[in-house]
Amino acid sequence: MKLNLYDVVVEPLITEKLSKAAEASNQYGFRVHPQANKKEVKAAVEKIFDVHVDKVNTMNVSGKWRRVRHVPGQTAAWKKAIVTLKKGEKIDLTK
């Protein structure tokens, strides 16, 4: 499936754990399209943020069971990508 660059990377993930990973090992997290592969994620991040990607790790996050007004349901499943950049490069996610 051929996806647009901005369809591949849905949004950046900003958590305390990923903020520490960005400082320590130059890793950034993104929510990505469920059908995007590692090559598409790498190309999209390099083009959008103008950086060089060293490695991409992807994982599928399953939905959790929740209860709303005594009715059980499940949150949506999604895909996460952890992108490692080459040394000396950064992504400014505060813009």
Protein backbone atom coordinates (compact mmCIF):
# COMPACT_ATOMS: atom_id res chain seq x y z
CA MET A 1 0.00 0.00 0.00
CA LYS A 2 1.46 3.33 -1.06
CA LEU A 3 0.95 6.00 1.61
CA ASN A 4 1.55 9.74 1.59
CA LEU A 5 4.41 10.95 3.84
CA TYR A 6 2.00 12.72 6.16
CA ASP A 7 -0.26 9.68 6.30
CA VAL A 8 2.60 7.47 7.50
CA VAL A 9 3.57 9.61 10.50
CA VAL A 10 0.34 10.38 12.35
CA GLU A 11 1.75 12.24 15.38
CA PRO A 12 4.83 12.39 17.58
CA LEU A 13 4.64 10.72 20.97
CA ILE A 14 5.69 12.93 23.84
CA THR A 15 6.05 10.97 27.06
CA GLU A 16 8.45 11.14 29.96
CA LYS A 17 10.09 7.87 28.94
CA LEU A 18 10.60 8.98 25.33
CA SER A 19 11.92 12.36 26.47
CA LYS A 20 14.64 10.59 28.43
CA ALA A 21 15.38 8.34 25.43
CA ALA A 22 15.71 11.40 23.21
CA GLU A 23 18.32 12.89 25.52
CA ALA A 24 20.21 9.68 26.25
CA SER A 25 20.17 7.70 23.00
CA ASN A 26 18.76 10.05 20.33
CA GLN A 27 15.48 8.12 19.96
CA TYR A 28 12.07 9.61 19.12
CA GLY A 29 8.64 7.98 19.14
CA PHE A 30 5.85 8.39 16.61
CA ARG A 31 2.36 7.05 16.17
CA VAL A 32 2.30 5.68 12.62
CA HIS A 33 -0.22 4.24 10.18
CA PRO A 34 -0.99 0.59 11.02
CA GLN A 35 -0.02 -0.62 7.54
CA ALA A 36 3.22 1.39 7.27
CA ASN A 37 6.46 -0.59 7.22
CA LYS A 38 9.89 0.39 8.52
CA LYS A 39 11.14 1.64 5.15
CA GLU A 40 8.14 3.95 4.75
CA VAL A 41 8.53 5.27 8.30
CA LYS A 42 12.23 5.94 7.74
CA ALA A 43 11.60 7.77 4.45
CA ALA A 44 8.78 9.85 5.95
CA VAL A 45 10.74 10.94 9.05
CA GLU A 46 13.81 11.81 6.97
CA LYS A 47 11.76 13.88 4.53
CA ILE A 48 9.49 15.64 7.06
CA PHE A 49 12.10 16.51 9.69
CA ASP A 50 15.20 16.73 7.43
CA VAL A 51 17.31 14.29 9.50
CA HIS A 52 19.13 11.00 8.87
CA VAL A 53 17.53 7.93 10.45
CA ASP A 54 19.84 5.18 11.69
CA LYS A 55 17.30 2.58 12.85
CA VAL A 56 13.52 2.08 13.11
CA ASN A 57 11.75 -0.22 15.57
CA THR A 58 8.01 -0.73 15.20
CA MET A 59 5.47 -2.33 17.48
CA ASN A 60 1.73 -2.91 17.45
CA VAL A 61 0.00 -1.66 20.60
CA SER A 62 -3.14 -3.62 21.29
CA GLY A 63 -6.32 -1.97 22.52
CA LYS A 64 -7.20 -2.14 26.20
CA TRP A 65 -10.51 -3.17 27.67
CA ARG A 66 -12.33 -0.26 29.30
CA ARG A 67 -15.75 0.15 30.83
CA VAL A 68 -17.93 3.17 30.18
CA ARG A 69 -21.25 3.34 32.06
CA HIS A 70 -21.14 -0.40 32.79
CA VAL A 71 -20.69 -1.22 29.09
CA PRO A 72 -17.41 -2.97 28.29
CA GLY A 73 -15.54 -1.89 25.21
CA GLN A 74 -12.06 -1.79 23.77
CA THR A 75 -9.85 1.16 22.85
CA ALA A 76 -8.40 1.22 19.37
CA ALA A 77 -5.21 -0.67 18.55
CA TRP A 78 -2.40 1.39 17.00
CA LYS A 79 1.17 1.17 15.75
CA LYS A 80 4.19 2.84 17.34
CA ALA A 81 7.61 3.49 15.81
CA ILE A 82 10.78 4.29 17.75
CA VAL A 83 13.22 6.08 15.44
CA THR A 84 16.94 6.30 16.23
CA LEU A 85 18.75 9.22 14.59
CA LYS A 86 22.40 9.45 13.63
CA LYS A 87 24.76 11.10 16.14
CA GLY A 88 24.54 14.85 16.42
CA GLU A 89 21.04 15.21 14.95
CA LYS A 90 17.87 16.28 16.76
CA ILE A 91 14.18 16.73 16.09
CA ASP A 92 12.53 19.75 17.68
CA LEU A 93 9.03 18.58 18.59
CA THR A 94 8.08 21.78 20.41
CA LYS A 95 7.25 23.68 17.20
